[in-house]
Each structure stands twice: as structure tokens, then as C-alpha cells.
N, C-alpha and C. Protein backbone atom coordinates (compact mmCIF):
# COMPACT_ATOMS: atom_id res chain seq x y z
N MET A 1 0.83 -1.21 0.00
CA MET A 1 0.00 0.00 0.00
C MET A 1 0.86 1.25 0.00
N ASN A 2 1.88 1.30 0.87
CA ASN A 2 2.74 2.48 0.95
C ASN A 2 3.48 2.71 -0.36
N LYS A 3 3.84 1.62 -1.05
CA LYS A 3 4.52 1.75 -2.35
C LYS A 3 3.59 2.42 -3.35
N TYR A 4 2.33 1.98 -3.39
CA TYR A 4 1.37 2.59 -4.31
C TYR A 4 1.18 4.07 -3.99
N ILE A 5 1.04 4.40 -2.71
CA ILE A 5 0.82 5.80 -2.33
C ILE A 5 2.00 6.66 -2.74
N SER A 6 3.22 6.20 -2.48
CA SER A 6 4.40 6.99 -2.83
C SER A 6 4.48 7.23 -4.32
N ILE A 7 4.25 6.20 -5.11
CA ILE A 7 4.32 6.33 -6.56
C ILE A 7 3.23 7.26 -7.06
N ILE A 8 2.02 7.12 -6.53
CA ILE A 8 0.91 7.96 -6.99
C ILE A 8 1.14 9.42 -6.64
N LEU A 9 1.58 9.70 -5.42
CA LEU A 9 1.86 11.09 -5.04
C LEU A 9 2.96 11.68 -5.90
N PHE A 10 3.97 10.88 -6.19
CA PHE A 10 5.06 11.35 -7.04
C PHE A 10 4.54 11.68 -8.43
N THR A 11 3.64 10.84 -8.93
CA THR A 11 3.10 11.05 -10.27
C THR A 11 2.23 12.30 -10.31
N PHE A 12 1.46 12.55 -9.27
CA PHE A 12 0.66 13.77 -9.25
C PHE A 12 1.54 15.01 -9.26
N LEU A 13 2.67 14.92 -8.59
CA LEU A 13 3.62 16.03 -8.65
C LEU A 13 4.02 16.28 -10.10
N LEU A 14 4.26 15.21 -10.83
CA LEU A 14 4.65 15.36 -12.23
C LEU A 14 3.52 15.93 -13.07
N SER A 15 2.29 15.78 -12.60
CA SER A 15 1.14 16.15 -13.42
C SER A 15 1.03 17.64 -13.70
N GLY A 16 1.83 18.45 -13.03
CA GLY A 16 1.74 19.86 -13.35
C GLY A 16 3.03 20.60 -13.12
N SER A 17 4.15 19.96 -13.34
CA SER A 17 5.39 20.57 -12.87
C SER A 17 6.29 21.05 -13.98
N SER A 18 7.08 22.06 -13.66
CA SER A 18 8.20 22.43 -14.53
C SER A 18 9.46 22.43 -13.67
N PHE A 19 9.56 21.39 -12.81
CA PHE A 19 10.66 21.37 -11.85
C PHE A 19 11.91 20.75 -12.43
N ALA A 20 11.85 20.32 -13.67
CA ALA A 20 13.03 19.70 -14.26
C ALA A 20 14.03 20.75 -14.72
N GLN A 21 15.29 20.32 -14.72
CA GLN A 21 16.32 21.13 -15.34
C GLN A 21 16.21 20.85 -16.84
N VAL A 22 15.53 21.71 -17.56
CA VAL A 22 15.22 21.41 -18.95
C VAL A 22 16.37 21.83 -19.85
N ASN A 23 16.92 20.84 -20.54
CA ASN A 23 18.01 21.13 -21.46
C ASN A 23 17.50 21.14 -22.90
N ASN A 24 16.18 21.23 -23.03
CA ASN A 24 15.54 21.25 -24.33
C ASN A 24 14.57 22.43 -24.32
N THR A 25 14.78 23.39 -25.20
CA THR A 25 13.99 24.63 -25.17
C THR A 25 12.51 24.37 -25.34
N LYS A 26 12.14 23.49 -26.26
CA LYS A 26 10.73 23.21 -26.48
C LYS A 26 10.09 22.58 -25.25
N ALA A 27 10.80 21.64 -24.63
CA ALA A 27 10.27 21.01 -23.42
C ALA A 27 10.10 22.03 -22.31
N ARG A 28 11.08 22.92 -22.17
CA ARG A 28 11.01 23.96 -21.15
C ARG A 28 9.78 24.83 -21.34
N ASN A 29 9.54 25.27 -22.55
CA ASN A 29 8.40 26.14 -22.83
C ASN A 29 7.08 25.46 -22.51
N ILE A 30 6.98 24.18 -22.84
CA ILE A 30 5.74 23.44 -22.57
C ILE A 30 5.52 23.29 -21.07
N LEU A 31 6.56 22.90 -20.35
CA LEU A 31 6.43 22.69 -18.91
C LEU A 31 6.15 24.00 -18.18
N GLU A 32 6.72 25.08 -18.66
CA GLU A 32 6.47 26.38 -18.02
C GLU A 32 5.02 26.82 -18.22
N LYS A 33 4.42 26.48 -19.36
CA LYS A 33 3.00 26.79 -19.58
C LYS A 33 2.13 26.01 -18.61
N ILE A 34 2.50 24.75 -18.38
CA ILE A 34 1.75 23.93 -17.43
C ILE A 34 1.86 24.50 -16.02
N ALA A 35 3.08 24.90 -15.65
CA ALA A 35 3.31 25.45 -14.32
C ALA A 35 2.53 26.74 -14.12
N LYS A 36 2.52 27.57 -15.14
CA LYS A 36 1.79 28.84 -15.05
C LYS A 36 0.30 28.60 -14.86
N LYS A 37 -0.22 27.61 -15.56
CA LYS A 37 -1.64 27.27 -15.44
C LYS A 37 -1.95 26.72 -14.06
N ALA A 38 -1.10 25.82 -13.57
CA ALA A 38 -1.33 25.20 -12.26
C ALA A 38 -1.29 26.24 -11.14
N LYS A 39 -0.50 27.27 -11.33
CA LYS A 39 -0.34 28.30 -10.30
C LYS A 39 -1.63 29.08 -10.06
N THR A 40 -2.54 29.05 -11.02
CA THR A 40 -3.79 29.79 -10.88
C THR A 40 -4.83 29.04 -10.06
N TYR A 41 -4.58 27.76 -9.74
CA TYR A 41 -5.57 26.95 -9.04
C TYR A 41 -5.35 27.00 -7.53
N GLN A 42 -6.42 27.18 -6.79
CA GLN A 42 -6.34 27.12 -5.33
C GLN A 42 -6.18 25.66 -4.89
N ASN A 43 -6.90 24.78 -5.54
CA ASN A 43 -6.78 23.35 -5.27
C ASN A 43 -7.07 22.59 -6.55
N MET A 44 -6.73 21.31 -6.56
CA MET A 44 -6.91 20.49 -7.74
C MET A 44 -7.42 19.11 -7.35
N LYS A 45 -8.33 18.58 -8.15
CA LYS A 45 -8.86 17.24 -7.92
C LYS A 45 -8.61 16.39 -9.17
N PHE A 46 -8.04 15.20 -8.95
CA PHE A 46 -7.80 14.26 -10.03
C PHE A 46 -8.57 12.97 -9.77
N ASP A 47 -9.42 12.58 -10.70
CA ASP A 47 -9.94 11.21 -10.74
C ASP A 47 -9.02 10.47 -11.71
N TYR A 48 -8.53 9.32 -11.32
CA TYR A 48 -7.47 8.71 -12.10
C TYR A 48 -7.58 7.19 -12.15
N THR A 49 -6.88 6.62 -13.11
CA THR A 49 -6.59 5.19 -13.09
C THR A 49 -5.09 5.04 -12.96
N TYR A 50 -4.70 3.97 -12.28
CA TYR A 50 -3.28 3.74 -12.06
C TYR A 50 -2.98 2.28 -12.38
N ARG A 51 -2.11 2.08 -13.32
CA ARG A 51 -1.81 0.72 -13.80
C ARG A 51 -0.36 0.35 -13.49
N MET A 52 -0.18 -0.84 -12.92
CA MET A 52 1.16 -1.35 -12.67
C MET A 52 1.42 -2.56 -13.56
N ILE A 53 2.48 -2.48 -14.35
CA ILE A 53 2.87 -3.59 -15.22
C ILE A 53 4.23 -4.10 -14.77
N ASP A 54 4.24 -5.29 -14.23
CA ASP A 54 5.47 -5.95 -13.79
C ASP A 54 5.77 -7.07 -14.79
N LYS A 55 6.61 -6.78 -15.75
CA LYS A 55 6.87 -7.72 -16.84
C LYS A 55 7.61 -8.96 -16.35
N ALA A 56 8.44 -8.79 -15.36
CA ALA A 56 9.24 -9.92 -14.86
C ALA A 56 8.36 -10.99 -14.23
N HIS A 57 7.24 -10.57 -13.62
CA HIS A 57 6.37 -11.52 -12.93
C HIS A 57 5.01 -11.64 -13.60
N ASP A 58 4.89 -11.11 -14.81
CA ASP A 58 3.66 -11.20 -15.59
C ASP A 58 2.45 -10.68 -14.80
N VAL A 59 2.63 -9.49 -14.21
CA VAL A 59 1.56 -8.86 -13.42
C VAL A 59 1.10 -7.59 -14.13
N ASP A 60 -0.21 -7.44 -14.23
CA ASP A 60 -0.79 -6.24 -14.84
C ASP A 60 -2.04 -5.87 -14.04
N ASN A 61 -1.88 -4.93 -13.11
CA ASN A 61 -2.98 -4.53 -12.23
C ASN A 61 -3.37 -3.08 -12.49
N GLN A 62 -4.65 -2.79 -12.33
CA GLN A 62 -5.13 -1.41 -12.51
C GLN A 62 -6.00 -1.01 -11.33
N LEU A 63 -5.77 0.19 -10.84
CA LEU A 63 -6.51 0.74 -9.72
C LEU A 63 -7.22 2.02 -10.14
N LYS A 64 -8.26 2.38 -9.40
CA LYS A 64 -8.92 3.67 -9.60
C LYS A 64 -8.86 4.44 -8.30
N GLY A 65 -8.84 5.75 -8.41
CA GLY A 65 -8.80 6.55 -7.20
C GLY A 65 -9.07 8.01 -7.46
N THR A 66 -9.05 8.77 -6.38
CA THR A 66 -9.29 10.21 -6.42
C THR A 66 -8.36 10.89 -5.43
N ILE A 67 -7.82 12.03 -5.82
CA ILE A 67 -7.00 12.80 -4.90
C ILE A 67 -7.33 14.28 -5.06
N VAL A 68 -7.41 14.98 -3.93
CA VAL A 68 -7.57 16.43 -3.91
C VAL A 68 -6.33 17.01 -3.24
N MET A 69 -5.72 18.03 -3.85
CA MET A 69 -4.49 18.61 -3.34
C MET A 69 -4.63 20.12 -3.22
N GLU A 70 -4.14 20.63 -2.09
CA GLU A 70 -4.18 22.08 -1.86
C GLU A 70 -2.96 22.44 -1.01
N GLY A 71 -2.00 23.09 -1.61
CA GLY A 71 -0.77 23.41 -0.89
C GLY A 71 -0.08 22.13 -0.44
N ASP A 72 0.25 22.04 0.84
CA ASP A 72 0.87 20.85 1.40
C ASP A 72 -0.16 19.77 1.75
N ASN A 73 -1.43 20.08 1.57
CA ASN A 73 -2.51 19.18 2.00
C ASN A 73 -2.96 18.27 0.86
N TYR A 74 -3.37 17.06 1.22
CA TYR A 74 -3.99 16.20 0.22
C TYR A 74 -4.97 15.24 0.89
N ASN A 75 -5.91 14.77 0.09
CA ASN A 75 -6.92 13.81 0.53
C ASN A 75 -7.04 12.77 -0.58
N LEU A 76 -6.52 11.57 -0.31
CA LEU A 76 -6.40 10.53 -1.32
C LEU A 76 -7.32 9.36 -0.98
N HIS A 77 -8.12 8.92 -1.95
CA HIS A 77 -8.95 7.72 -1.82
C HIS A 77 -8.43 6.68 -2.81
N MET A 78 -8.06 5.51 -2.29
CA MET A 78 -7.50 4.48 -3.15
C MET A 78 -7.59 3.13 -2.45
N MET A 79 -7.99 2.09 -3.20
CA MET A 79 -8.04 0.73 -2.69
C MET A 79 -8.87 0.65 -1.41
N GLY A 80 -9.92 1.47 -1.33
CA GLY A 80 -10.79 1.44 -0.17
C GLY A 80 -10.27 2.21 1.02
N ARG A 81 -9.07 2.76 0.91
CA ARG A 81 -8.47 3.49 2.01
C ARG A 81 -8.50 4.99 1.76
N ASN A 82 -8.41 5.75 2.84
CA ASN A 82 -8.40 7.20 2.77
C ASN A 82 -7.11 7.69 3.44
N VAL A 83 -6.26 8.37 2.67
CA VAL A 83 -5.00 8.90 3.20
C VAL A 83 -5.09 10.41 3.14
N VAL A 84 -4.96 11.05 4.30
CA VAL A 84 -5.18 12.49 4.42
C VAL A 84 -4.00 13.14 5.12
N SER A 85 -3.61 14.31 4.63
CA SER A 85 -2.52 15.04 5.28
C SER A 85 -2.83 16.54 5.30
N ASN A 86 -2.51 17.17 6.42
CA ASN A 86 -2.62 18.62 6.53
C ASN A 86 -1.24 19.29 6.41
N GLY A 87 -0.28 18.52 5.89
CA GLY A 87 1.07 19.04 5.72
C GLY A 87 1.98 18.75 6.90
N LYS A 88 1.38 18.44 8.05
CA LYS A 88 2.17 18.13 9.25
C LYS A 88 1.96 16.69 9.70
N ILE A 89 0.74 16.21 9.54
CA ILE A 89 0.37 14.86 9.98
C ILE A 89 -0.27 14.12 8.81
N VAL A 90 -0.03 12.82 8.75
CA VAL A 90 -0.66 11.96 7.75
C VAL A 90 -1.51 10.92 8.47
N TRP A 91 -2.80 10.85 8.12
CA TRP A 91 -3.70 9.84 8.65
C TRP A 91 -4.04 8.85 7.55
N THR A 92 -3.96 7.56 7.86
CA THR A 92 -4.36 6.52 6.91
C THR A 92 -5.49 5.72 7.53
N GLN A 93 -6.67 5.84 6.94
CA GLN A 93 -7.85 5.15 7.45
C GLN A 93 -8.10 3.89 6.62
N ASP A 94 -8.14 2.76 7.28
CA ASP A 94 -8.37 1.47 6.63
C ASP A 94 -9.67 0.87 7.17
N PRO A 95 -10.78 1.02 6.42
CA PRO A 95 -12.07 0.50 6.91
C PRO A 95 -12.09 -1.01 7.09
N ASP A 96 -11.36 -1.74 6.24
CA ASP A 96 -11.37 -3.20 6.35
C ASP A 96 -10.75 -3.66 7.67
N ALA A 97 -9.66 -3.01 8.06
CA ALA A 97 -8.99 -3.36 9.32
C ALA A 97 -9.54 -2.57 10.50
N GLU A 98 -10.43 -1.62 10.22
CA GLU A 98 -10.94 -0.71 11.25
C GLU A 98 -9.78 -0.10 12.04
N GLU A 99 -8.87 0.50 11.28
CA GLU A 99 -7.66 1.06 11.86
C GLU A 99 -7.36 2.42 11.27
N ILE A 100 -6.85 3.31 12.11
CA ILE A 100 -6.34 4.61 11.66
C ILE A 100 -4.89 4.71 12.10
N GLN A 101 -4.01 4.86 11.11
CA GLN A 101 -2.59 5.00 11.40
C GLN A 101 -2.21 6.47 11.27
N ILE A 102 -1.41 6.95 12.22
CA ILE A 102 -1.01 8.35 12.24
C ILE A 102 0.50 8.45 12.13
N ASN A 103 0.97 9.22 11.17
CA ASN A 103 2.40 9.44 10.97
C ASN A 103 2.70 10.93 10.86
N THR A 104 3.95 11.28 11.08
CA THR A 104 4.40 12.65 10.84
C THR A 104 4.66 12.82 9.35
N ALA A 105 4.14 13.88 8.77
CA ALA A 105 4.39 14.16 7.35
C ALA A 105 5.87 14.43 7.14
N ASP A 106 6.41 13.92 6.05
CA ASP A 106 7.82 14.10 5.75
C ASP A 106 7.99 15.26 4.78
N PRO A 107 8.48 16.40 5.25
CA PRO A 107 8.60 17.58 4.38
C PRO A 107 9.63 17.42 3.28
N THR A 108 10.47 16.38 3.38
CA THR A 108 11.49 16.18 2.34
C THR A 108 10.91 15.49 1.12
N LYS A 109 9.70 14.95 1.23
CA LYS A 109 9.08 14.29 0.09
C LYS A 109 8.35 15.33 -0.75
N ASN A 110 8.72 15.40 -2.02
CA ASN A 110 8.19 16.43 -2.90
C ASN A 110 6.68 16.44 -2.98
N ALA A 111 6.07 15.26 -2.89
CA ALA A 111 4.63 15.18 -3.07
C ALA A 111 3.87 15.96 -2.01
N PHE A 112 4.50 16.17 -0.83
CA PHE A 112 3.83 16.88 0.24
C PHE A 112 3.86 18.39 0.03
N SER A 113 4.57 18.85 -0.96
CA SER A 113 4.63 20.28 -1.27
C SER A 113 4.26 20.49 -2.73
N PHE A 114 3.23 19.80 -3.15
CA PHE A 114 2.88 19.71 -4.57
C PHE A 114 2.77 21.07 -5.26
N LEU A 115 1.89 21.92 -4.77
CA LEU A 115 1.65 23.18 -5.48
C LEU A 115 2.86 24.09 -5.45
N LYS A 116 3.65 24.02 -4.38
CA LYS A 116 4.83 24.87 -4.30
C LYS A 116 5.86 24.49 -5.35
N LEU A 117 5.92 23.21 -5.68
CA LEU A 117 6.92 22.74 -6.62
C LEU A 117 6.50 22.91 -8.08
N LEU A 118 5.24 23.25 -8.29
CA LEU A 118 4.77 23.37 -9.66
C LEU A 118 5.48 24.48 -10.42
N THR A 119 5.93 25.49 -9.72
CA THR A 119 6.50 26.66 -10.39
C THR A 119 7.99 26.83 -10.10
N THR A 120 8.63 25.77 -9.64
CA THR A 120 10.06 25.87 -9.36
C THR A 120 10.86 25.07 -10.37
N VAL A 121 12.13 25.40 -10.48
CA VAL A 121 13.04 24.68 -11.36
C VAL A 121 14.25 24.27 -10.53
N ASN A 122 14.62 23.00 -10.59
CA ASN A 122 15.81 22.57 -9.88
C ASN A 122 16.62 21.61 -10.76
N ASN A 123 17.62 21.00 -10.19
CA ASN A 123 18.53 20.19 -10.97
C ASN A 123 18.26 18.69 -10.86
N ASP A 124 17.04 18.32 -10.45
CA ASP A 124 16.75 16.91 -10.24
C ASP A 124 16.56 16.13 -11.54
N TYR A 125 16.07 16.80 -12.58
CA TYR A 125 15.74 16.11 -13.82
C TYR A 125 16.20 16.92 -15.03
N SER A 126 16.39 16.21 -16.13
CA SER A 126 16.53 16.87 -17.42
C SER A 126 15.34 16.45 -18.26
N ALA A 127 14.88 17.32 -19.14
CA ALA A 127 13.67 17.07 -19.91
C ALA A 127 13.93 17.21 -21.40
N LYS A 128 13.21 16.40 -22.17
CA LYS A 128 13.38 16.47 -23.62
C LYS A 128 12.06 16.15 -24.30
N LEU A 129 11.68 16.99 -25.25
CA LEU A 129 10.50 16.73 -26.09
C LEU A 129 10.91 15.70 -27.14
N ILE A 130 10.28 14.53 -27.11
CA ILE A 130 10.69 13.48 -28.03
C ILE A 130 9.72 13.26 -29.19
N ALA A 131 8.47 13.74 -29.05
CA ALA A 131 7.50 13.51 -30.13
C ALA A 131 6.27 14.37 -29.95
N THR A 132 5.56 14.56 -31.03
CA THR A 132 4.21 15.11 -31.03
C THR A 132 3.36 14.12 -31.81
N LYS A 133 2.28 13.66 -31.20
CA LYS A 133 1.47 12.66 -31.90
C LYS A 133 -0.02 12.95 -31.71
N LYS A 134 -0.83 12.32 -32.56
CA LYS A 134 -2.28 12.49 -32.50
C LYS A 134 -2.94 11.18 -32.12
N GLU A 135 -3.94 11.29 -31.25
CA GLU A 135 -4.76 10.15 -30.86
C GLU A 135 -6.21 10.59 -30.81
N LYS A 136 -7.05 9.93 -31.56
CA LYS A 136 -8.49 10.22 -31.58
C LYS A 136 -8.75 11.70 -31.83
N GLY A 137 -7.99 12.27 -32.75
CA GLY A 137 -8.21 13.65 -33.14
C GLY A 137 -7.57 14.69 -32.26
N LYS A 138 -6.89 14.27 -31.18
CA LYS A 138 -6.23 15.21 -30.28
C LYS A 138 -4.71 15.12 -30.45
N ALA A 139 -4.05 16.26 -30.27
CA ALA A 139 -2.60 16.31 -30.40
C ALA A 139 -1.97 16.31 -29.01
N TYR A 140 -0.86 15.57 -28.88
CA TYR A 140 -0.18 15.44 -27.60
C TYR A 140 1.33 15.63 -27.77
N TYR A 141 1.93 16.26 -26.76
CA TYR A 141 3.38 16.28 -26.65
C TYR A 141 3.81 15.08 -25.81
N ILE A 142 4.94 14.50 -26.15
CA ILE A 142 5.54 13.45 -25.33
C ILE A 142 6.89 13.97 -24.85
N ILE A 143 7.03 14.09 -23.53
CA ILE A 143 8.25 14.63 -22.93
C ILE A 143 8.82 13.60 -21.97
N ASP A 144 10.10 13.33 -22.09
CA ASP A 144 10.79 12.43 -21.17
C ASP A 144 11.57 13.22 -20.13
N LEU A 145 11.40 12.83 -18.87
CA LEU A 145 12.19 13.38 -17.77
C LEU A 145 13.14 12.29 -17.29
N LYS A 146 14.41 12.62 -17.19
CA LYS A 146 15.39 11.67 -16.70
C LYS A 146 16.09 12.24 -15.47
N PRO A 147 16.10 11.46 -14.38
CA PRO A 147 16.71 11.97 -13.13
C PRO A 147 18.22 12.15 -13.29
N ASN A 148 18.73 13.22 -12.72
CA ASN A 148 20.16 13.48 -12.77
C ASN A 148 20.92 12.79 -11.64
N LYS A 149 20.16 12.25 -10.69
CA LYS A 149 20.76 11.45 -9.62
C LYS A 149 20.16 10.05 -9.66
N THR A 150 20.88 9.09 -9.13
CA THR A 150 20.43 7.71 -9.17
C THR A 150 19.11 7.53 -8.43
N GLN A 151 18.14 6.92 -9.12
CA GLN A 151 16.83 6.64 -8.56
C GLN A 151 16.46 5.19 -8.89
N SER A 152 15.35 4.71 -8.32
CA SER A 152 14.90 3.36 -8.65
C SER A 152 14.31 3.31 -10.06
N TYR A 153 13.96 4.47 -10.60
CA TYR A 153 13.44 4.57 -11.95
C TYR A 153 14.47 5.29 -12.82
N TYR A 154 14.41 5.06 -14.12
CA TYR A 154 15.36 5.70 -15.02
C TYR A 154 14.74 6.73 -15.93
N LYS A 155 13.37 6.77 -15.95
CA LYS A 155 12.72 7.71 -16.85
C LYS A 155 11.27 7.89 -16.45
N VAL A 156 10.75 9.11 -16.65
CA VAL A 156 9.33 9.39 -16.54
C VAL A 156 8.87 10.00 -17.86
N ARG A 157 7.86 9.41 -18.45
CA ARG A 157 7.35 9.92 -19.73
C ARG A 157 6.01 10.61 -19.50
N LEU A 158 5.91 11.87 -19.92
CA LEU A 158 4.70 12.66 -19.77
C LEU A 158 3.98 12.77 -21.11
N LYS A 159 2.68 12.58 -21.07
CA LYS A 159 1.83 12.80 -22.23
C LYS A 159 0.99 14.05 -21.95
N ILE A 160 1.16 15.08 -22.76
CA ILE A 160 0.60 16.39 -22.47
C ILE A 160 -0.36 16.81 -23.57
N ASP A 161 -1.57 17.17 -23.19
CA ASP A 161 -2.56 17.67 -24.15
C ASP A 161 -2.06 18.99 -24.74
N LYS A 162 -1.85 19.02 -26.03
CA LYS A 162 -1.26 20.18 -26.69
C LYS A 162 -2.18 21.40 -26.62
N THR A 163 -3.48 21.17 -26.65
CA THR A 163 -4.44 22.28 -26.63
C THR A 163 -4.62 22.85 -25.23
N ASN A 164 -4.75 21.96 -24.25
CA ASN A 164 -5.04 22.38 -22.87
C ASN A 164 -3.81 22.64 -22.03
N ASN A 165 -2.62 22.30 -22.53
CA ASN A 165 -1.38 22.46 -21.75
C ASN A 165 -1.51 21.79 -20.39
N TRP A 166 -1.82 20.48 -20.40
CA TRP A 166 -2.00 19.77 -19.15
C TRP A 166 -1.59 18.32 -19.33
N VAL A 167 -0.97 17.76 -18.30
CA VAL A 167 -0.54 16.37 -18.37
C VAL A 167 -1.74 15.45 -18.24
N THR A 168 -1.91 14.54 -19.18
CA THR A 168 -3.01 13.59 -19.14
C THR A 168 -2.55 12.19 -18.76
N GLU A 169 -1.25 11.95 -18.87
CA GLU A 169 -0.73 10.63 -18.53
C GLU A 169 0.75 10.74 -18.18
N ALA A 170 1.17 9.93 -17.22
CA ALA A 170 2.59 9.87 -16.85
C ALA A 170 2.96 8.42 -16.60
N THR A 171 4.07 7.99 -17.16
CA THR A 171 4.54 6.62 -16.99
C THR A 171 5.92 6.64 -16.34
N ILE A 172 6.04 5.93 -15.22
CA ILE A 172 7.32 5.81 -14.53
C ILE A 172 7.93 4.46 -14.89
N TYR A 173 9.14 4.50 -15.42
CA TYR A 173 9.85 3.28 -15.82
C TYR A 173 10.88 2.91 -14.76
N GLU A 174 10.61 1.84 -14.03
CA GLU A 174 11.52 1.39 -12.99
C GLU A 174 12.63 0.54 -13.59
N LYS A 175 13.75 0.51 -12.91
CA LYS A 175 14.89 -0.27 -13.39
C LYS A 175 14.65 -1.78 -13.28
N ASN A 176 13.69 -2.19 -12.47
CA ASN A 176 13.38 -3.61 -12.31
C ASN A 176 12.37 -4.10 -13.34
N ASN A 177 12.19 -3.31 -14.41
CA ASN A 177 11.30 -3.69 -15.52
C ASN A 177 9.82 -3.58 -15.15
N THR A 178 9.52 -2.69 -14.21
CA THR A 178 8.13 -2.41 -13.83
C THR A 178 7.74 -1.02 -14.31
N GLU A 179 6.52 -0.89 -14.80
CA GLU A 179 6.01 0.41 -15.25
C GLU A 179 4.79 0.79 -14.41
N TYR A 180 4.73 2.06 -14.03
CA TYR A 180 3.57 2.61 -13.35
C TYR A 180 2.96 3.68 -14.26
N ILE A 181 1.71 3.48 -14.65
CA ILE A 181 1.07 4.37 -15.60
C ILE A 181 -0.10 5.08 -14.93
N PHE A 182 -0.01 6.39 -14.81
CA PHE A 182 -1.06 7.23 -14.24
C PHE A 182 -1.81 7.93 -15.37
N THR A 183 -3.14 7.79 -15.38
CA THR A 183 -3.96 8.43 -16.41
C THR A 183 -5.05 9.26 -15.77
N VAL A 184 -5.14 10.52 -16.14
CA VAL A 184 -6.18 11.40 -15.61
C VAL A 184 -7.50 11.09 -16.32
N VAL A 185 -8.50 10.71 -15.55
CA VAL A 185 -9.83 10.45 -16.10
C VAL A 185 -10.66 11.73 -16.09
N HIS A 186 -10.54 12.48 -15.00
CA HIS A 186 -11.27 13.74 -14.88
C HIS A 186 -10.49 14.67 -13.98
N PHE A 187 -10.45 15.95 -14.35
CA PHE A 187 -9.75 16.95 -13.56
C PHE A 187 -10.69 18.11 -13.25
N SER A 188 -10.64 18.61 -12.02
CA SER A 188 -11.39 19.81 -11.64
C SER A 188 -10.54 20.61 -10.67
N SER A 189 -10.91 21.88 -10.48
CA SER A 189 -10.09 22.76 -9.64
C SER A 189 -10.95 23.78 -8.92
N ASN A 190 -10.31 24.47 -7.96
CA ASN A 190 -10.96 25.53 -7.19
C ASN A 190 -12.27 25.05 -6.57
N LEU A 191 -12.20 23.91 -5.90
CA LEU A 191 -13.37 23.31 -5.28
C LEU A 191 -13.68 23.99 -3.94
N LYS A 192 -14.95 24.00 -3.57
CA LYS A 192 -15.35 24.47 -2.24
C LYS A 192 -15.31 23.25 -1.31
N LEU A 193 -14.30 23.20 -0.48
CA LEU A 193 -14.09 22.04 0.36
C LEU A 193 -14.64 22.27 1.76
N PRO A 194 -15.17 21.23 2.40
CA PRO A 194 -15.69 21.38 3.76
C PRO A 194 -14.57 21.63 4.75
N LYS A 195 -14.93 22.16 5.89
CA LYS A 195 -13.96 22.43 6.95
C LYS A 195 -13.32 21.11 7.39
N ASN A 196 -12.05 21.16 7.69
CA ASN A 196 -11.30 19.99 8.15
C ASN A 196 -11.26 18.86 7.11
N TYR A 197 -11.32 19.22 5.84
CA TYR A 197 -11.27 18.22 4.78
C TYR A 197 -9.93 17.49 4.75
N PHE A 198 -8.90 18.16 5.23
CA PHE A 198 -7.56 17.57 5.21
C PHE A 198 -7.13 17.07 6.60
N VAL A 199 -8.11 16.63 7.37
CA VAL A 199 -7.85 16.08 8.70
C VAL A 199 -8.77 14.88 8.91
N ILE A 200 -8.26 13.83 9.55
CA ILE A 200 -9.09 12.73 10.03
C ILE A 200 -9.04 12.74 11.54
N ASN A 201 -10.18 12.88 12.16
CA ASN A 201 -10.27 12.90 13.62
C ASN A 201 -10.63 11.50 14.11
N PRO A 202 -9.71 10.81 14.77
CA PRO A 202 -10.00 9.45 15.24
C PRO A 202 -11.23 9.36 16.13
N LYS A 203 -11.59 10.46 16.80
CA LYS A 203 -12.77 10.45 17.67
C LYS A 203 -14.06 10.23 16.87
N ASP A 204 -14.00 10.52 15.57
CA ASP A 204 -15.17 10.29 14.73
C ASP A 204 -15.34 8.81 14.38
N PHE A 205 -14.35 7.99 14.77
CA PHE A 205 -14.38 6.56 14.46
C PHE A 205 -14.08 5.77 15.74
N PRO A 206 -15.02 5.76 16.69
CA PRO A 206 -14.76 5.17 18.00
C PRO A 206 -14.46 3.67 17.97
N ASP A 207 -14.88 2.98 16.92
CA ASP A 207 -14.65 1.54 16.84
C ASP A 207 -13.30 1.19 16.20
N TYR A 208 -12.57 2.22 15.76
CA TYR A 208 -11.29 1.97 15.09
C TYR A 208 -10.15 1.91 16.09
N GLU A 209 -9.18 1.05 15.79
CA GLU A 209 -7.93 1.05 16.53
C GLU A 209 -7.04 2.17 16.00
N VAL A 210 -6.44 2.95 16.87
CA VAL A 210 -5.57 4.05 16.47
C VAL A 210 -4.12 3.65 16.71
N VAL A 211 -3.34 3.67 15.65
CA VAL A 211 -1.91 3.32 15.73
C VAL A 211 -1.12 4.61 15.48
N ASP A 212 -0.59 5.19 16.55
CA ASP A 212 0.12 6.46 16.44
C ASP A 212 1.63 6.20 16.33
N LEU A 213 2.19 6.46 15.15
CA LEU A 213 3.61 6.20 14.89
C LEU A 213 4.46 7.44 14.89
N ARG A 214 3.94 8.54 15.43
CA ARG A 214 4.71 9.78 15.44
C ARG A 214 5.80 9.71 16.52
């Protein structure tokens, strides 16, 4: 579960970022347009599918989920679980186990500072526009991001809607021959969220076991 969450949060970060060290002018211009657009949103909601292809073990699994992100905060629904963070604390609610796990948010993980990173540029990645293609009458840019430091993955490929300047798909290529494919099914922004949307109060779930790992 934690592996899925980490990969998904990382992919959402990619969904609107120009944080790569772009050594390709065309790629830079495209990513900067995405960053500029993302900067106008107070919050963002993604309904998504997430596919894991493990070629070595002949595994092909697909998940569906929803995530809402606002600043350092996020509210993720996936595999029947609800993972919520207010930027300082992370709550993981598991209805099947009737358990709520509490952890300290890790500020070093990029996904916890999603919106802040949308408009920054650093030396973590290099980017290159490798193709422009059409699918079902729509035009897309294909941009590859390659990490400049050793990671478990060697490449992230972004599929960007040429008209809307928005990432519609991201594929992470792991060195162990596993691929993680994130596809945006529906996107919305500037939602009116209820109070305490980015908090889980264990008192609201008296029958749950609370595991506090802070």
C-alpha cells in the first residue's frame, strides 16, 4: 500500500510541474506553460486510473482513485483506504482493518509540497521533447524526464494535451522492468471544500484502533 501511495503522489507532482532542469527549449516552454496554469488553481482534484505492469512476474494490475491537493494538504482515496494530510500529519484510514494509522508528514518528500513545486526549477531532472502525436483527433506532446541522480526509476514519460497544456498521462519506468502508468480520467479545480477536509479525527471513528507512529 505504501509503495502505491508513494508512486501515486510522485506522479501527481509530475502532473503539473516544470521542476526539471530542462536542457531542451521546447520542453522547457511546454512545462512552463503547465506550471503557469497550475499556479492559478487554489486546489486540484484528479480522478485517475493507475496501472502497474510488472513484466518480470507477468503482473498487470489497474486501480482507480481520487485525490484532492491544496498546498501541502492532500486527501487521497484508493483501494478502499483514505489517506489524508494537513502538511504536518498523515492519517491513513483502513475501513477493512478498522484502523487509523497516524504518521508525521515528511517535508522532504516532494509530493507533500505539490503546489509549491509546480513553479520551481531545480537540478533533479533533465527534460526532452521526443515527439508530437495524435490520438483520436487530439494532439499530444511526449516529454521524457530523466533523473540526474540515481533513482529506482530511469525515466518518466509525460503525455501532455497540446491544446489544454496539461498532463493527461505519466509513466514511470523502474529499473526492475516495472512500469507505473497514471492516467487522468477527470480533472477539476478551485473546489469548495468542507472544513477539516484535510484532517481525520480518530474520535469520529470510536470503533477503530488508532496506531500512532509519530
